[in-house]
Amino acid sequence: MAGRAEGVRLIADNRKARHDYFIDETFEAGLVLTGTEIKSIRAGRVNLRDSHARVEGGEVWLYGMHIAPYEHGNRFNHEPDRPRKLLLHRREIDYLAGRVRERGYTLVPLRLYLKGGWAKVELALARGKKRYDKRAAIAQREAQRRMAQALRARR
C-alpha cells in the first residue's frame, strides 16, 4: 500500500514489526471474518502486535491478531484471538510457502485497513533483525532527527 488511496482507512499499524524485521516484500490479503469481527474492526478495536502468519495445507492463516469482542454482540460473539484465514492468489501462496521454508523468513502483518468496505491486511515477507541491527537503525533515526533540527535552526 504505497500511498493513501481513495476509500482506504487505516485501522491498525504494527510499528513493532518494522523495528524487529527487515521487510523484503509486501502482499495485500483479504480476511475471512464473522459479522461481529468486522463491526469490531470498523470500531478500530484491533491489535496486530505479536501476530504472524503461517502457510498450512495450501492456505495462509493469521495467528495472534486480537479483535476485541463487539460490545453490542450477543452470545454468538466471536473469539478474540482465533486464527483467521487470509485470502491470497494461489501463485502468491505457493511463492510465500517456498520463501518461508528458507531459513530466517517469516510472514508478519504490517497493517490492517478497510479498502472499499473490505478488510485487508498488508502482509510482509520479513527477516528477523539482530540486536545490533536494531541499535544501528535507532542510531540512524536519531542522526536524521539531529540533522533535521540543525537545518531548521539554520533557517
C-alpha atoms as a PDB file:
ATOM      1  CA  MET A   1       0.000   0.000   0.000  1.00  0.00           C
ATOM      2  CA  ALA A   2       2.139   2.853  -1.277  1.00  0.00           C
ATOM      3  CA  GLY A   3       0.030   5.928  -0.591  1.00  0.00           C
ATOM      4  CA  ARG A   4      -3.326   6.704   0.861  1.00  0.00           C
ATOM      5  CA  ALA A   5      -5.687   5.718  -1.943  1.00  0.00           C
ATOM      6  CA  GLU A   6      -9.326   6.712  -2.198  1.00  0.00           C
ATOM      7  CA  GLY A   7     -11.572   4.641   0.056  1.00  0.00           C
ATOM      8  CA  VAL A   8      -8.718   3.334   2.252  1.00  0.00           C
ATOM      9  CA  ARG A   9      -8.965   3.760   6.021  1.00  0.00           C
ATOM     10  CA  LEU A  10      -6.109   2.592   8.260  1.00  0.00           C
ATOM     11  CA  ILE A  11      -7.374   0.617  11.265  1.00  0.00           C
ATOM     12  CA  ALA A  12      -4.215  -0.769  12.912  1.00  0.00           C
ATOM     13  CA  ASP A  13      -0.485  -0.432  12.298  1.00  0.00           C
ATOM     14  CA  ASN A  14       2.156  -2.898  13.510  1.00  0.00           C
ATOM     15  CA  ARG A  15       5.025  -0.478  14.151  1.00  0.00           C
ATOM     16  CA  LYS A  16       6.936  -3.062  16.171  1.00  0.00           C
ATOM     17  CA  ALA A  17       7.246  -5.272  13.082  1.00  0.00           C
ATOM     18  CA  ARG A  18       9.259  -2.615  11.232  1.00  0.00           C
ATOM     19  CA  HIS A  19      11.571  -2.384  14.241  1.00  0.00           C
ATOM     20  CA  ASP A  20      12.040  -6.149  14.645  1.00  0.00           C
ATOM     21  CA  TYR A  21      12.265  -7.230  10.973  1.00  0.00           C
ATOM     22  CA  PHE A  22      13.806  -6.344   7.626  1.00  0.00           C
ATOM     23  CA  ILE A  23      10.860  -6.095   5.225  1.00  0.00           C
ATOM     24  CA  ASP A  24      11.650  -7.730   1.853  1.00  0.00           C
ATOM     25  CA  GLU A  25       8.253  -7.835   0.107  1.00  0.00           C
ATOM     26  CA  THR A  26       4.647  -6.960   0.909  1.00  0.00           C
ATOM     27  CA  PHE A  27       1.368  -8.516  -0.185  1.00  0.00           C
ATOM     28  CA  GLU A  28      -2.242  -7.432   0.193  1.00  0.00           C
ATOM     29  CA  ALA A  29      -4.526 -10.146   1.590  1.00  0.00           C
ATOM     30  CA  GLY A  30      -8.208 -10.268   2.367  1.00  0.00           C
ATOM     31  CA  LEU A  31      -9.556 -11.716   5.626  1.00  0.00           C
ATOM     32  CA  VAL A  32     -12.290 -14.261   6.303  1.00  0.00           C
ATOM     33  CA  LEU A  33     -14.285 -12.697   9.156  1.00  0.00           C
ATOM     34  CA  THR A  34     -17.569 -13.094  11.008  1.00  0.00           C
ATOM     35  CA  GLY A  35     -20.151 -10.321  11.365  1.00  0.00           C
ATOM     36  CA  THR A  36     -19.149  -9.202  14.844  1.00  0.00           C
ATOM     37  CA  GLU A  37     -15.449  -9.201  13.871  1.00  0.00           C
ATOM     38  CA  ILE A  38     -15.916  -6.711  11.036  1.00  0.00           C
ATOM     39  CA  LYS A  39     -18.021  -4.492  13.303  1.00  0.00           C
ATOM     40  CA  SER A  40     -15.241  -4.502  15.890  1.00  0.00           C
ATOM     41  CA  ILE A  41     -12.663  -3.759  13.167  1.00  0.00           C
ATOM     42  CA  ARG A  42     -14.724  -0.793  11.922  1.00  0.00           C
ATOM     43  CA  ALA A  43     -14.700   0.474  15.521  1.00  0.00           C
ATOM     44  CA  GLY A  44     -10.870   0.203  15.482  1.00  0.00           C
ATOM     45  CA  ARG A  45     -10.603  -2.381  18.263  1.00  0.00           C
ATOM     46  CA  VAL A  46      -7.747  -4.428  16.767  1.00  0.00           C
ATOM     47  CA  ASN A  47      -4.206  -5.235  17.929  1.00  0.00           C
ATOM     48  CA  LEU A  48      -1.613  -6.616  15.473  1.00  0.00           C
ATOM     49  CA  ARG A  49       1.305  -6.770  17.912  1.00  0.00           C
ATOM     50  CA  ASP A  50       2.881 -10.234  18.226  1.00  0.00           C
ATOM     51  CA  SER A  51       0.810 -11.587  15.334  1.00  0.00           C
ATOM     52  CA  HIS A  52       2.218 -13.689  12.490  1.00  0.00           C
ATOM     53  CA  ALA A  53       1.017 -15.756   9.551  1.00  0.00           C
ATOM     54  CA  ARG A  54       1.741 -19.350   8.541  1.00  0.00           C
ATOM     55  CA  VAL A  55       1.197 -21.352   5.371  1.00  0.00           C
ATOM     56  CA  GLU A  56      -0.606 -24.574   6.314  1.00  0.00           C
ATOM     57  CA  GLY A  57      -2.169 -27.022   3.884  1.00  0.00           C
ATOM     58  CA  GLY A  58      -2.054 -24.633   0.936  1.00  0.00           C
ATOM     59  CA  GLU A  59      -3.764 -21.855   2.919  1.00  0.00           C
ATOM     60  CA  VAL A  60      -2.403 -18.858   4.805  1.00  0.00           C
ATOM     61  CA  TRP A  61      -3.580 -18.366   8.403  1.00  0.00           C
ATOM     62  CA  LEU A  62      -3.083 -15.317  10.624  1.00  0.00           C
ATOM     63  CA  TYR A  63      -2.341 -16.061  14.289  1.00  0.00           C
ATOM     64  CA  GLY A  64      -2.225 -13.747  17.286  1.00  0.00           C
ATOM     65  CA  MET A  65      -4.293 -10.865  15.881  1.00  0.00           C
ATOM     66  CA  HIS A  66      -6.594  -9.697  18.663  1.00  0.00           C
ATOM     67  CA  ILE A  67     -10.005  -8.369  17.612  1.00  0.00           C
ATOM     68  CA  ALA A  68     -11.886  -7.262  20.733  1.00  0.00           C
ATOM     69  CA  PRO A  69     -15.392  -8.705  21.167  1.00  0.00           C
ATOM     70  CA  TYR A  70     -18.105  -6.481  19.702  1.00  0.00           C
ATOM     71  CA  GLU A  71     -19.657  -4.597  22.597  1.00  0.00           C
ATOM     72  CA  HIS A  72     -23.211  -4.899  21.223  1.00  0.00           C
ATOM     73  CA  GLY A  73     -22.767  -8.551  20.279  1.00  0.00           C
ATOM     74  CA  ASN A  74     -24.784 -11.321  21.896  1.00  0.00           C
ATOM     75  CA  ARG A  75     -23.844 -14.855  22.895  1.00  0.00           C
ATOM     76  CA  PHE A  76     -22.725 -15.517  19.306  1.00  0.00           C
ATOM     77  CA  ASN A  77     -19.876 -13.017  19.625  1.00  0.00           C
ATOM     78  CA  HIS A  78     -16.531 -14.105  18.140  1.00  0.00           C
ATOM     79  CA  GLU A  79     -13.479 -15.474  19.928  1.00  0.00           C
ATOM     80  CA  PRO A  80     -10.940 -12.584  20.094  1.00  0.00           C
ATOM     81  CA  ASP A  81      -7.716 -14.499  19.316  1.00  0.00           C
ATOM     82  CA  ARG A  82      -8.858 -17.212  16.910  1.00  0.00           C
ATOM     83  CA  PRO A  83      -6.756 -17.978  13.787  1.00  0.00           C
ATOM     84  CA  ARG A  84      -8.123 -16.202  10.708  1.00  0.00           C
ATOM     85  CA  LYS A  85      -7.794 -17.344   7.123  1.00  0.00           C
ATOM     86  CA  LEU A  86      -6.131 -14.948   4.683  1.00  0.00           C
ATOM     87  CA  LEU A  87      -7.246 -14.714   1.068  1.00  0.00           C
ATOM     88  CA  LEU A  88      -4.421 -14.678  -1.480  1.00  0.00           C
ATOM     89  CA  HIS A  89      -3.975 -15.914  -5.038  1.00  0.00           C
ATOM     90  CA  ARG A  90      -2.656 -19.473  -5.435  1.00  0.00           C
ATOM     91  CA  ARG A  91       0.622 -18.315  -7.025  1.00  0.00           C
ATOM     92  CA  GLU A  92       1.175 -15.895  -4.097  1.00  0.00           C
ATOM     93  CA  ILE A  93       0.554 -18.666  -1.565  1.00  0.00           C
ATOM     94  CA  ASP A  94       2.946 -21.005  -3.377  1.00  0.00           C
ATOM     95  CA  TYR A  95       5.587 -18.266  -3.588  1.00  0.00           C
ATOM     96  CA  LEU A  96       5.237 -17.439   0.126  1.00  0.00           C
ATOM     97  CA  ALA A  97       5.363 -21.122   1.103  1.00  0.00           C
ATOM     98  CA  GLY A  98       8.633 -21.517  -0.780  1.00  0.00           C
ATOM     99  CA  ARG A  99      10.191 -18.404   0.745  1.00  0.00           C
ATOM    100  CA  VAL A 100       9.106 -19.225   4.320  1.00  0.00           C
ATOM    101  CA  ARG A 101      10.792 -22.637   4.017  1.00  0.00           C
ATOM    102  CA  GLU A 102      14.067 -20.732   3.532  1.00  0.00           C
ATOM    103  CA  ARG A 103      15.939 -20.047   6.729  1.00  0.00           C
ATOM    104  CA  GLY A 104      15.096 -16.824   8.530  1.00  0.00           C
ATOM    105  CA  TYR A 105      11.933 -15.757   6.691  1.00  0.00           C
ATOM    106  CA  THR A 106       8.584 -15.201   8.366  1.00  0.00           C
ATOM    107  CA  LEU A 107       5.205 -13.668   7.471  1.00  0.00           C
ATOM    108  CA  VAL A 108       4.288 -10.616   9.532  1.00  0.00           C
ATOM    109  CA  PRO A 109       1.209  -8.377   9.203  1.00  0.00           C
ATOM    110  CA  LEU A 110       2.203  -4.710   8.911  1.00  0.00           C
ATOM    111  CA  ARG A 111      -1.183  -3.023   8.903  1.00  0.00           C
ATOM    112  CA  LEU A 112      -4.903  -3.652   8.782  1.00  0.00           C
ATOM    113  CA  TYR A 113      -7.098  -1.338   6.753  1.00  0.00           C
ATOM    114  CA  LEU A 114     -10.506  -1.053   5.116  1.00  0.00           C
ATOM    115  CA  LYS A 115     -10.414  -0.719   1.349  1.00  0.00           C
ATOM    116  CA  GLY A 116     -13.708  -0.175  -0.404  1.00  0.00           C
ATOM    117  CA  GLY A 117     -15.533  -1.636   2.597  1.00  0.00           C
ATOM    118  CA  TRP A 118     -13.414  -4.813   2.711  1.00  0.00           C
ATOM    119  CA  ALA A 119     -10.912  -5.572   5.493  1.00  0.00           C
ATOM    120  CA  LYS A 120      -7.392  -6.077   4.116  1.00  0.00           C
ATOM    121  CA  VAL A 121      -4.062  -6.973   5.717  1.00  0.00           C
ATOM    122  CA  GLU A 122      -0.692  -5.851   4.389  1.00  0.00           C
ATOM    123  CA  LEU A 123       1.414  -8.975   4.863  1.00  0.00           C
ATOM    124  CA  ALA A 124       5.211  -8.759   4.768  1.00  0.00           C
ATOM    125  CA  LEU A 125       7.803 -11.365   3.917  1.00  0.00           C
ATOM    126  CA  ALA A 126      10.413 -10.454   6.520  1.00  0.00           C
ATOM    127  CA  ARG A 127      13.743 -11.489   8.028  1.00  0.00           C
ATOM    128  CA  GLY A 128      14.419 -11.014  11.741  1.00  0.00           C
ATOM    129  CA  LYS A 129      16.846  -8.317  12.855  1.00  0.00           C
ATOM    130  CA  LYS A 130      19.640  -8.980  15.276  1.00  0.00           C
ATOM    131  CA  ARG A 131      20.116  -6.744  18.309  1.00  0.00           C
ATOM    132  CA  TYR A 132      22.961  -4.805  16.643  1.00  0.00           C
ATOM    133  CA  ASP A 133      20.756  -4.172  13.579  1.00  0.00           C
ATOM    134  CA  LYS A 134      18.116  -2.615  15.825  1.00  0.00           C
ATOM    135  CA  ARG A 135      20.711  -0.418  17.524  1.00  0.00           C
ATOM    136  CA  ALA A 136      22.042   0.728  14.142  1.00  0.00           C
ATOM    137  CA  ALA A 137      18.519   1.617  12.977  1.00  0.00           C
ATOM    138  CA  ILE A 138      17.894   3.648  16.144  1.00  0.00           C
ATOM    139  CA  ALA A 139      21.243   5.474  15.745  1.00  0.00           C
ATOM    140  CA  GLN A 140      20.457   6.283  12.104  1.00  0.00           C
ATOM    141  CA  ARG A 141      16.988   7.576  13.017  1.00  0.00           C
ATOM    142  CA  GLU A 142      18.453   9.805  15.755  1.00  0.00           C
ATOM    143  CA  ALA A 143      21.122  11.146  13.349  1.00  0.00           C
ATOM    144  CA  GLN A 144      18.388  12.029  10.821  1.00  0.00           C
ATOM    145  CA  ARG A 145      16.431  13.795  13.563  1.00  0.00           C
ATOM    146  CA  ARG A 146      19.506  15.819  14.638  1.00  0.00           C
ATOM    147  CA  MET A 147      20.233  16.827  11.018  1.00  0.00           C
ATOM    148  CA  ALA A 148      16.646  17.973  10.536  1.00  0.00           C
ATOM    149  CA  GLN A 149      16.800  20.011  13.757  1.00  0.00           C
ATOM    150  CA  ALA A 150      20.088  21.603  12.664  1.00  0.00           C
ATOM    151  CA  LEU A 151      18.588  22.560   9.286  1.00  0.00           C
ATOM    152  CA  ARG A 152      15.538  24.086  10.982  1.00  0.00           C
ATOM    153  CA  ALA A 153      17.798  26.029  13.373  1.00  0.00           C
ATOM    154  CA  ARG A 154      19.872  27.416  10.454  1.00  0.00           C
ATOM    155  CA  ARG A 155      16.799  28.758   8.693  1.00  0.00           C
END
